[in-house]
Amino acid sequence: MFKNLILRINNYRVKSGKYGFKASEILVLCPKCLQNPECAKDILSDPYSCGRCGRCNISDLVKISETMKVGIAVAPGGRLACSYAKDKAYKAVVAVACPFELVAGIIKTFPKPVYAVRNITPKGPCIETKVDPEEIIYGIGVFTKV
């Protein structure tokens, strides 16, 4: 519950900012657990290798990346996710993860702004998680508005 409060405060703070970043300066950062476990595609090294079968949200996020011209990365855990988020090529991050990983990532990448999107866990944590693509689009919009 405390983590959810931190995430709400963080997103309120981020939404209050005036950024005007270029789309290419925004990274959409996703956890590996969004990928369908039966999929053999190596989305960790290249998210664009997604077969776009529609059985998981990775295809939605790759499409958003291509359409909106934002960066995208998939990480198997928090340590690698933080290294992607700290990449100086990106000025802002729209991050998808569980509350624990989101809070840890926000702290580790401060002062870089991170819009946090909680993943949906219908089968429990780290198992076939989902995300609402509209929340990702909204998060990108937070950083591209002036």
C-alpha atoms as a PDB file:
ATOM      1  CA  MET A   1       0.000   0.000   0.000  1.00  0.00           C
ATOM      2  CA  PHE A   2       2.861   2.399   0.842  1.00  0.00           C
ATOM      3  CA  LYS A   3       4.471   1.687  -2.538  1.00  0.00           C
ATOM      4  CA  ASN A   4       1.229   2.578  -4.332  1.00  0.00           C
ATOM      5  CA  LEU A   5       1.163   5.910  -2.498  1.00  0.00           C
ATOM      6  CA  ILE A   6       4.746   6.637  -3.563  1.00  0.00           C
ATOM      7  CA  LEU A   7       3.830   5.810  -7.174  1.00  0.00           C
ATOM      8  CA  ARG A   8       0.792   8.105  -7.097  1.00  0.00           C
ATOM      9  CA  ILE A   9       2.879  10.956  -5.659  1.00  0.00           C
ATOM     10  CA  ASN A  10       5.617  10.344  -8.237  1.00  0.00           C
ATOM     11  CA  ASN A  11       3.183  10.358 -11.147  1.00  0.00           C
ATOM     12  CA  TYR A  12       1.482  13.487  -9.825  1.00  0.00           C
ATOM     13  CA  ARG A  13       4.875  15.207  -9.642  1.00  0.00           C
ATOM     14  CA  VAL A  14       5.806  14.030 -13.138  1.00  0.00           C
ATOM     15  CA  LYS A  15       2.448  15.078 -14.624  1.00  0.00           C
ATOM     16  CA  SER A  16       2.889  18.541 -13.102  1.00  0.00           C
ATOM     17  CA  GLY A  17       6.108  19.115 -15.053  1.00  0.00           C
ATOM     18  CA  LYS A  18       6.448  20.912 -18.368  1.00  0.00           C
ATOM     19  CA  TYR A  19       8.793  18.841 -20.488  1.00  0.00           C
ATOM     20  CA  GLY A  20       8.356  19.125 -24.244  1.00  0.00           C
ATOM     21  CA  PHE A  21      10.814  16.304 -24.947  1.00  0.00           C
ATOM     22  CA  LYS A  22      11.188  14.848 -28.428  1.00  0.00           C
ATOM     23  CA  ALA A  23       9.718  11.363 -28.735  1.00  0.00           C
ATOM     24  CA  SER A  24      13.201   9.987 -29.433  1.00  0.00           C
ATOM     25  CA  GLU A  25      14.255  11.204 -25.951  1.00  0.00           C
ATOM     26  CA  ILE A  26      11.687   8.954 -24.223  1.00  0.00           C
ATOM     27  CA  LEU A  27      12.226   5.309 -23.314  1.00  0.00           C
ATOM     28  CA  VAL A  28       9.409   2.820 -22.764  1.00  0.00           C
ATOM     29  CA  LEU A  29      10.863   0.291 -20.348  1.00  0.00           C
ATOM     30  CA  CYS A  30       9.100  -3.058 -19.985  1.00  0.00           C
ATOM     31  CA  PRO A  31       9.574  -6.185 -17.876  1.00  0.00           C
ATOM     32  CA  LYS A  32      10.200  -9.557 -19.518  1.00  0.00           C
ATOM     33  CA  CYS A  33       7.163 -10.963 -17.691  1.00  0.00           C
ATOM     34  CA  LEU A  34       4.917  -9.194 -20.239  1.00  0.00           C
ATOM     35  CA  GLN A  35       6.048 -11.725 -22.845  1.00  0.00           C
ATOM     36  CA  ASN A  36       3.946 -14.843 -23.334  1.00  0.00           C
ATOM     37  CA  PRO A  37       5.954 -17.688 -21.722  1.00  0.00           C
ATOM     38  CA  GLU A  38       5.433 -19.920 -24.774  1.00  0.00           C
ATOM     39  CA  CYS A  39       7.075 -17.374 -27.069  1.00  0.00           C
ATOM     40  CA  ALA A  40      10.581 -18.219 -28.293  1.00  0.00           C
ATOM     41  CA  LYS A  41      11.407 -14.739 -29.628  1.00  0.00           C
ATOM     42  CA  ASP A  42      14.423 -13.013 -28.050  1.00  0.00           C
ATOM     43  CA  ILE A  43      12.836  -9.715 -27.109  1.00  0.00           C
ATOM     44  CA  LEU A  44      15.499  -8.984 -24.495  1.00  0.00           C
ATOM     45  CA  SER A  45      18.186  -8.237 -27.059  1.00  0.00           C
ATOM     46  CA  ASP A  46      15.726  -6.861 -29.639  1.00  0.00           C
ATOM     47  CA  PRO A  47      12.094  -6.033 -28.774  1.00  0.00           C
ATOM     48  CA  TYR A  48      11.424  -5.544 -32.495  1.00  0.00           C
ATOM     49  CA  SER A  49      11.984  -9.271 -33.027  1.00  0.00           C
ATOM     50  CA  CYS A  50       8.502  -9.758 -31.527  1.00  0.00           C
ATOM     51  CA  GLY A  51       6.419 -11.927 -33.855  1.00  0.00           C
ATOM     52  CA  ARG A  52       3.365  -9.747 -33.142  1.00  0.00           C
ATOM     53  CA  CYS A  53       1.061 -12.681 -32.625  1.00  0.00           C
ATOM     54  CA  GLY A  54      -1.003 -10.646 -30.154  1.00  0.00           C
ATOM     55  CA  ARG A  55      -0.794 -13.180 -27.304  1.00  0.00           C
ATOM     56  CA  CYS A  56       0.933 -10.616 -25.073  1.00  0.00           C
ATOM     57  CA  ASN A  57       1.378  -6.848 -24.787  1.00  0.00           C
ATOM     58  CA  ILE A  58       4.872  -6.775 -26.265  1.00  0.00           C
ATOM     59  CA  SER A  59       3.397  -6.442 -29.769  1.00  0.00           C
ATOM     60  CA  ASP A  60       1.288  -3.474 -28.594  1.00  0.00           C
ATOM     61  CA  LEU A  61       4.308  -1.752 -27.063  1.00  0.00           C
ATOM     62  CA  VAL A  62       6.510  -2.330 -30.114  1.00  0.00           C
ATOM     63  CA  LYS A  63       3.767  -0.845 -32.286  1.00  0.00           C
ATOM     64  CA  ILE A  64       3.564   2.189 -29.978  1.00  0.00           C
ATOM     65  CA  SER A  65       7.355   2.547 -30.173  1.00  0.00           C
ATOM     66  CA  GLU A  66       7.305   2.454 -33.964  1.00  0.00           C
ATOM     67  CA  THR A  67       4.291   4.741 -34.345  1.00  0.00           C
ATOM     68  CA  MET A  68       5.312   7.336 -31.785  1.00  0.00           C
ATOM     69  CA  LYS A  69       9.076   7.032 -32.446  1.00  0.00           C
ATOM     70  CA  VAL A  70      10.014   6.410 -28.792  1.00  0.00           C
ATOM     71  CA  GLY A  71      12.699   4.017 -27.598  1.00  0.00           C
ATOM     72  CA  ILE A  72      11.774   0.653 -26.152  1.00  0.00           C
ATOM     73  CA  ALA A  73      13.674  -1.824 -23.996  1.00  0.00           C
ATOM     74  CA  VAL A  74      12.759  -5.060 -22.240  1.00  0.00           C
ATOM     75  CA  ALA A  75      14.578  -6.090 -19.074  1.00  0.00           C
ATOM     76  CA  PRO A  76      14.477  -9.347 -17.118  1.00  0.00           C
ATOM     77  CA  GLY A  77      14.990  -7.567 -13.801  1.00  0.00           C
ATOM     78  CA  GLY A  78      15.544  -4.329 -11.954  1.00  0.00           C
ATOM     79  CA  ARG A  79      19.316  -4.030 -12.278  1.00  0.00           C
ATOM     80  CA  LEU A  80      19.311  -4.128 -16.088  1.00  0.00           C
ATOM     81  CA  ALA A  81      16.161  -1.995 -16.205  1.00  0.00           C
ATOM     82  CA  CYS A  82      17.929   0.722 -14.200  1.00  0.00           C
ATOM     83  CA  SER A  83      20.922   0.666 -16.535  1.00  0.00           C
ATOM     84  CA  TYR A  84      18.564   1.195 -19.494  1.00  0.00           C
ATOM     85  CA  ALA A  85      16.758   3.994 -17.641  1.00  0.00           C
ATOM     86  CA  LYS A  86      20.036   5.755 -16.834  1.00  0.00           C
ATOM     87  CA  ASP A  87      21.035   5.852 -20.519  1.00  0.00           C
ATOM     88  CA  LYS A  88      21.920   9.473 -21.273  1.00  0.00           C
ATOM     89  CA  ALA A  89      20.225   9.228 -24.695  1.00  0.00           C
ATOM     90  CA  TYR A  90      16.875   9.358 -22.896  1.00  0.00           C
ATOM     91  CA  LYS A  91      15.592  12.312 -20.878  1.00  0.00           C
ATOM     92  CA  ALA A  92      12.497  10.533 -19.546  1.00  0.00           C
ATOM     93  CA  VAL A  93      11.184   7.024 -18.971  1.00  0.00           C
ATOM     94  CA  VAL A  94       7.742   5.453 -19.092  1.00  0.00           C
ATOM     95  CA  ALA A  95       8.298   2.353 -16.979  1.00  0.00           C
ATOM     96  CA  VAL A  96       6.091  -0.722 -16.623  1.00  0.00           C
ATOM     97  CA  ALA A  97       6.638  -3.030 -13.651  1.00  0.00           C
ATOM     98  CA  CYS A  98       5.298  -4.174 -10.304  1.00  0.00           C
ATOM     99  CA  PRO A  99       5.143  -1.525  -7.555  1.00  0.00           C
ATOM    100  CA  PHE A 100       8.306  -2.748  -5.806  1.00  0.00           C
ATOM    101  CA  GLU A 101      10.427  -2.542  -8.978  1.00  0.00           C
ATOM    102  CA  LEU A 102       8.904   0.800  -9.996  1.00  0.00           C
ATOM    103  CA  VAL A 103       9.676   2.447  -6.652  1.00  0.00           C
ATOM    104  CA  ALA A 104      13.234   1.079  -6.654  1.00  0.00           C
ATOM    105  CA  GLY A 105      13.775   2.258 -10.232  1.00  0.00           C
ATOM    106  CA  ILE A 106      12.403   5.739  -9.590  1.00  0.00           C
ATOM    107  CA  ILE A 107      14.790   6.136  -6.655  1.00  0.00           C
ATOM    108  CA  LYS A 108      17.817   4.784  -8.548  1.00  0.00           C
ATOM    109  CA  THR A 109      17.278   6.958 -11.629  1.00  0.00           C
ATOM    110  CA  PHE A 110      16.410  10.199  -9.824  1.00  0.00           C
ATOM    111  CA  PRO A 111      16.406  13.034 -10.965  1.00  0.00           C
ATOM    112  CA  LYS A 112      15.392  11.638 -14.388  1.00  0.00           C
ATOM    113  CA  PRO A 113      11.581  11.756 -14.580  1.00  0.00           C
ATOM    114  CA  VAL A 114       9.889   8.362 -14.645  1.00  0.00           C
ATOM    115  CA  TYR A 115       6.174   7.938 -15.339  1.00  0.00           C
ATOM    116  CA  ALA A 116       5.247   4.700 -13.555  1.00  0.00           C
ATOM    117  CA  VAL A 117       2.723   2.235 -14.983  1.00  0.00           C
ATOM    118  CA  ARG A 118       1.794  -0.723 -12.801  1.00  0.00           C
ATOM    119  CA  ASN A 119       1.569  -3.998 -14.619  1.00  0.00           C
ATOM    120  CA  ILE A 120      -1.545  -6.117 -14.256  1.00  0.00           C
ATOM    121  CA  THR A 121      -0.932  -9.482 -12.590  1.00  0.00           C
ATOM    122  CA  PRO A 122      -3.934 -11.768 -13.205  1.00  0.00           C
ATOM    123  CA  LYS A 123      -1.873 -14.917 -12.535  1.00  0.00           C
ATOM    124  CA  GLY A 124       0.321 -13.453  -9.814  1.00  0.00           C
ATOM    125  CA  PRO A 125       3.593 -11.554  -9.893  1.00  0.00           C
ATOM    126  CA  CYS A 126       5.983 -12.182 -12.797  1.00  0.00           C
ATOM    127  CA  ILE A 127       3.621 -14.599 -14.576  1.00  0.00           C
ATOM    128  CA  GLU A 128       2.043 -13.521 -17.864  1.00  0.00           C
ATOM    129  CA  THR A 129       1.587  -9.943 -16.701  1.00  0.00           C
ATOM    130  CA  LYS A 130      -0.235  -7.358 -18.777  1.00  0.00           C
ATOM    131  CA  VAL A 131      -0.339  -3.593 -19.239  1.00  0.00           C
ATOM    132  CA  ASP A 132      -2.894  -1.180 -20.639  1.00  0.00           C
ATOM    133  CA  PRO A 133      -1.305   0.265 -23.818  1.00  0.00           C
ATOM    134  CA  GLU A 134      -3.373   3.448 -23.375  1.00  0.00           C
ATOM    135  CA  GLU A 135      -1.489   4.137 -20.135  1.00  0.00           C
ATOM    136  CA  ILE A 136       1.791   3.944 -22.035  1.00  0.00           C
ATOM    137  CA  ILE A 137       0.518   6.393 -24.655  1.00  0.00           C
ATOM    138  CA  TYR A 138      -0.657   8.714 -21.878  1.00  0.00           C
ATOM    139  CA  GLY A 139       2.746   8.531 -20.176  1.00  0.00           C
ATOM    140  CA  ILE A 140       4.516   9.405 -23.415  1.00  0.00           C
ATOM    141  CA  GLY A 141       2.168  12.360 -23.809  1.00  0.00           C
ATOM    142  CA  VAL A 142       3.097  13.622 -20.363  1.00  0.00           C
ATOM    143  CA  PHE A 143       6.688  14.064 -21.556  1.00  0.00           C
ATOM    144  CA  THR A 144       5.989  15.410 -25.046  1.00  0.00           C
ATOM    145  CA  LYS A 145       3.545  18.147 -24.027  1.00  0.00           C
ATOM    146  CA  VAL A 146       4.815  21.664 -23.510  1.00  0.00           C
END
